[in-house]
Amino acid sequence: MSPEERDFVAAVAESQNMTVSAFAREWILLACKQLVEEEGAGNFAAIAAREEAERTKRRQERLAEKSLAKMAKSIDV
């Protein structure tokens, strides 16, 4: 964000008697609500489930790699 943009956000927040962080939080919540209304809550639930599944898969792959590395190290003894 440019200094001019930061100054603008600060001025708008001040005009609303809000801190910049409170103002930003409000806008983020409004944007999220708008997305849910436009896309539908079901789509977001599906996206969240898919992302969690991908994180779990990556975590399991890392654990498997570590286990294989330990086994390989023990065989080299």
N, C-alpha and C. Protein backbone atom coordinates (compact mmCIF):
# COMPACT_ATOMS: atom_id res chain seq x y z
N MET A 1 0.86 -1.16 0.00
CA MET A 1 0.00 0.00 0.00
C MET A 1 0.91 1.23 0.00
N SER A 2 0.57 2.17 -0.83
CA SER A 2 1.38 3.37 -0.93
C SER A 2 1.12 4.28 0.28
N PRO A 3 2.04 5.22 0.55
CA PRO A 3 1.82 6.16 1.65
C PRO A 3 0.53 6.97 1.47
N GLU A 4 0.21 7.29 0.22
CA GLU A 4 -1.02 8.05 -0.04
C GLU A 4 -2.25 7.23 0.31
N GLU A 5 -2.21 5.93 -0.04
CA GLU A 5 -3.33 5.05 0.28
C GLU A 5 -3.47 4.88 1.79
N ARG A 6 -2.34 4.73 2.49
CA ARG A 6 -2.39 4.61 3.95
C ARG A 6 -2.99 5.86 4.57
N ASP A 7 -2.57 7.03 4.07
CA ASP A 7 -3.11 8.29 4.59
C ASP A 7 -4.61 8.39 4.35
N PHE A 8 -5.03 7.96 3.16
CA PHE A 8 -6.45 7.99 2.83
C PHE A 8 -7.26 7.10 3.76
N VAL A 9 -6.78 5.87 3.96
CA VAL A 9 -7.47 4.93 4.85
C VAL A 9 -7.51 5.49 6.26
N ALA A 10 -6.41 6.06 6.72
CA ALA A 10 -6.37 6.63 8.07
C ALA A 10 -7.37 7.77 8.19
N ALA A 11 -7.47 8.61 7.15
CA ALA A 11 -8.40 9.75 7.19
C ALA A 11 -9.85 9.27 7.21
N VAL A 12 -10.16 8.27 6.40
CA VAL A 12 -11.52 7.73 6.38
C VAL A 12 -11.85 7.09 7.72
N ALA A 13 -10.93 6.32 8.26
CA ALA A 13 -11.15 5.68 9.56
C ALA A 13 -11.39 6.73 10.63
N GLU A 14 -10.58 7.77 10.62
CA GLU A 14 -10.73 8.84 11.61
C GLU A 14 -12.08 9.54 11.46
N SER A 15 -12.53 9.73 10.22
CA SER A 15 -13.82 10.39 10.00
C SER A 15 -14.97 9.54 10.52
N GLN A 16 -14.74 8.23 10.64
CA GLN A 16 -15.76 7.31 11.17
C GLN A 16 -15.56 7.04 12.66
N ASN A 17 -14.63 7.77 13.27
CA ASN A 17 -14.28 7.57 14.68
C ASN A 17 -13.85 6.13 14.96
N MET A 18 -13.02 5.59 14.07
CA MET A 18 -12.54 4.22 14.21
C MET A 18 -11.02 4.22 14.10
N THR A 19 -10.41 3.18 14.68
CA THR A 19 -8.98 3.00 14.44
C THR A 19 -8.82 2.40 13.05
N VAL A 20 -7.63 2.51 12.51
CA VAL A 20 -7.39 1.94 11.18
C VAL A 20 -7.63 0.44 11.19
N SER A 21 -7.19 -0.25 12.23
CA SER A 21 -7.38 -1.71 12.28
C SER A 21 -8.87 -2.06 12.37
N ALA A 22 -9.63 -1.31 13.14
CA ALA A 22 -11.07 -1.57 13.25
C ALA A 22 -11.76 -1.31 11.90
N PHE A 23 -11.35 -0.24 11.24
CA PHE A 23 -11.90 0.09 9.92
C PHE A 23 -11.58 -1.02 8.92
N ALA A 24 -10.32 -1.48 8.92
CA ALA A 24 -9.91 -2.55 8.00
C ALA A 24 -10.69 -3.82 8.29
N ARG A 25 -10.86 -4.15 9.57
CA ARG A 25 -11.60 -5.36 9.96
C ARG A 25 -13.03 -5.29 9.43
N GLU A 26 -13.67 -4.11 9.56
CA GLU A 26 -15.03 -3.93 9.08
C GLU A 26 -15.12 -4.17 7.57
N TRP A 27 -14.18 -3.60 6.83
CA TRP A 27 -14.19 -3.76 5.38
C TRP A 27 -13.92 -5.20 4.97
N ILE A 28 -13.05 -5.87 5.67
CA ILE A 28 -12.78 -7.28 5.37
C ILE A 28 -14.04 -8.11 5.61
N LEU A 29 -14.71 -7.87 6.73
CA LEU A 29 -15.95 -8.60 7.02
C LEU A 29 -17.01 -8.33 5.96
N LEU A 30 -17.14 -7.07 5.56
CA LEU A 30 -18.12 -6.74 4.52
C LEU A 30 -17.78 -7.43 3.20
N ALA A 31 -16.51 -7.44 2.85
CA ALA A 31 -16.10 -8.09 1.60
C ALA A 31 -16.38 -9.59 1.66
N CYS A 32 -16.11 -10.21 2.79
CA CYS A 32 -16.38 -11.65 2.94
C CYS A 32 -17.87 -11.93 2.85
N LYS A 33 -18.67 -11.11 3.50
CA LYS A 33 -20.12 -11.30 3.44
C LYS A 33 -20.63 -11.17 2.01
N GLN A 34 -20.09 -10.19 1.28
CA GLN A 34 -20.49 -10.00 -0.10
C GLN A 34 -20.11 -11.21 -0.95
N LEU A 35 -18.91 -11.74 -0.74
CA LEU A 35 -18.49 -12.93 -1.49
C LEU A 35 -19.41 -14.11 -1.22
N VAL A 36 -19.76 -14.30 0.04
CA VAL A 36 -20.65 -15.41 0.40
C VAL A 36 -22.00 -15.23 -0.27
N GLU A 37 -22.52 -13.99 -0.27
CA GLU A 37 -23.80 -13.73 -0.91
C GLU A 37 -23.73 -13.99 -2.41
N GLU A 38 -22.62 -13.58 -3.04
CA GLU A 38 -22.48 -13.75 -4.48
C GLU A 38 -22.21 -15.19 -4.88
N GLU A 39 -21.36 -15.87 -4.13
CA GLU A 39 -20.92 -17.21 -4.50
C GLU A 39 -21.72 -18.31 -3.83
N GLY A 40 -22.34 -18.00 -2.72
CA GLY A 40 -23.07 -19.01 -1.97
C GLY A 40 -22.18 -19.66 -0.93
N ALA A 41 -22.72 -19.88 0.24
CA ALA A 41 -21.96 -20.43 1.35
C ALA A 41 -21.47 -21.83 1.05
N GLY A 42 -22.22 -22.60 0.28
CA GLY A 42 -21.82 -23.97 -0.04
C GLY A 42 -20.50 -24.03 -0.77
N ASN A 43 -20.28 -23.08 -1.68
CA ASN A 43 -19.02 -23.05 -2.42
C ASN A 43 -17.85 -22.82 -1.47
N PHE A 44 -18.03 -21.93 -0.51
CA PHE A 44 -16.96 -21.64 0.42
C PHE A 44 -16.67 -22.83 1.33
N ALA A 45 -17.71 -23.54 1.72
CA ALA A 45 -17.52 -24.74 2.54
C ALA A 45 -16.75 -25.80 1.74
N ALA A 46 -17.08 -25.94 0.47
CA ALA A 46 -16.38 -26.91 -0.38
C ALA A 46 -14.92 -26.51 -0.57
N ILE A 47 -14.68 -25.23 -0.77
CA ILE A 47 -13.30 -24.74 -0.93
C ILE A 47 -12.51 -24.99 0.35
N ALA A 48 -13.10 -24.68 1.50
CA ALA A 48 -12.41 -24.88 2.78
C ALA A 48 -12.10 -26.35 3.01
N ALA A 49 -13.03 -27.22 2.67
CA ALA A 49 -12.82 -28.66 2.84
C ALA A 49 -11.70 -29.15 1.92
N ARG A 50 -11.68 -28.67 0.69
CA ARG A 50 -10.64 -29.07 -0.26
C ARG A 50 -9.27 -28.59 0.21
N GLU A 51 -9.20 -27.34 0.69
CA GLU A 51 -7.93 -26.81 1.17
C GLU A 51 -7.43 -27.59 2.40
N GLU A 52 -8.34 -27.95 3.29
CA GLU A 52 -7.94 -28.74 4.47
C GLU A 52 -7.45 -30.11 4.05
N ALA A 53 -8.09 -30.71 3.07
CA ALA A 53 -7.65 -32.02 2.57
C ALA A 53 -6.25 -31.91 1.95
N GLU A 54 -6.01 -30.83 1.22
CA GLU A 54 -4.68 -30.63 0.62
C GLU A 54 -3.62 -30.43 1.70
N ARG A 55 -3.94 -29.66 2.75
CA ARG A 55 -2.99 -29.47 3.85
C ARG A 55 -2.69 -30.78 4.54
N THR A 56 -3.73 -31.59 4.77
CA THR A 56 -3.55 -32.90 5.41
C THR A 56 -2.68 -33.80 4.55
N LYS A 57 -2.92 -33.80 3.26
CA LYS A 57 -2.13 -34.62 2.34
C LYS A 57 -0.66 -34.20 2.38
N ARG A 58 -0.40 -32.90 2.32
CA ARG A 58 0.99 -32.41 2.37
C ARG A 58 1.65 -32.78 3.69
N ARG A 59 0.91 -32.67 4.79
CA ARG A 59 1.44 -33.02 6.11
C ARG A 59 1.80 -34.50 6.15
N GLN A 60 0.92 -35.36 5.62
CA GLN A 60 1.19 -36.80 5.60
C GLN A 60 2.39 -37.12 4.71
N GLU A 61 2.51 -36.41 3.59
CA GLU A 61 3.67 -36.63 2.71
C GLU A 61 4.97 -36.26 3.40
N ARG A 62 4.96 -35.14 4.13
CA ARG A 62 6.17 -34.73 4.86
C ARG A 62 6.54 -35.76 5.92
N LEU A 63 5.54 -36.26 6.65
CA LEU A 63 5.79 -37.27 7.67
C LEU A 63 6.34 -38.56 7.04
N ALA A 64 5.79 -38.94 5.90
CA ALA A 64 6.28 -40.14 5.21
C ALA A 64 7.72 -39.96 4.76
N GLU A 65 8.04 -38.78 4.24
CA GLU A 65 9.42 -38.51 3.82
C GLU A 65 10.38 -38.58 5.00
N LYS A 66 9.97 -38.03 6.13
CA LYS A 66 10.83 -38.09 7.33
C LYS A 66 11.03 -39.53 7.78
N SER A 67 9.94 -40.33 7.75
CA SER A 67 10.04 -41.74 8.16
C SER A 67 10.98 -42.50 7.23
N LEU A 68 10.84 -42.26 5.92
CA LEU A 68 11.72 -42.93 4.96
C LEU A 68 13.17 -42.52 5.16
N ALA A 69 13.39 -41.25 5.45
CA ALA A 69 14.76 -40.77 5.68
C ALA A 69 15.35 -41.44 6.92
N LYS A 70 14.55 -41.59 7.98
CA LYS A 70 15.02 -42.26 9.19
C LYS A 70 15.35 -43.72 8.92
N MET A 71 14.46 -44.39 8.15
CA MET A 71 14.71 -45.80 7.83
C MET A 71 15.98 -45.93 6.99
N ALA A 72 16.15 -45.07 6.02
CA ALA A 72 17.34 -45.12 5.17
C ALA A 72 18.60 -44.89 5.99
N LYS A 73 18.51 -43.98 6.93
CA LYS A 73 19.66 -43.68 7.79
C LYS A 73 19.99 -44.88 8.67
N SER A 74 18.97 -45.56 9.18
CA SER A 74 19.22 -46.73 10.04
C SER A 74 19.79 -47.91 9.25
N ILE A 75 19.44 -48.01 7.99
CA ILE A 75 19.96 -49.10 7.15
C ILE A 75 21.43 -48.86 6.82
N ASP A 76 21.83 -47.60 6.65
CA ASP A 76 23.21 -47.26 6.31
C ASP A 76 24.19 -47.50 7.44
N VAL A 77 23.70 -47.80 8.63
CA VAL A 77 24.59 -47.97 9.79
C VAL A 77 25.54 -49.05 9.61
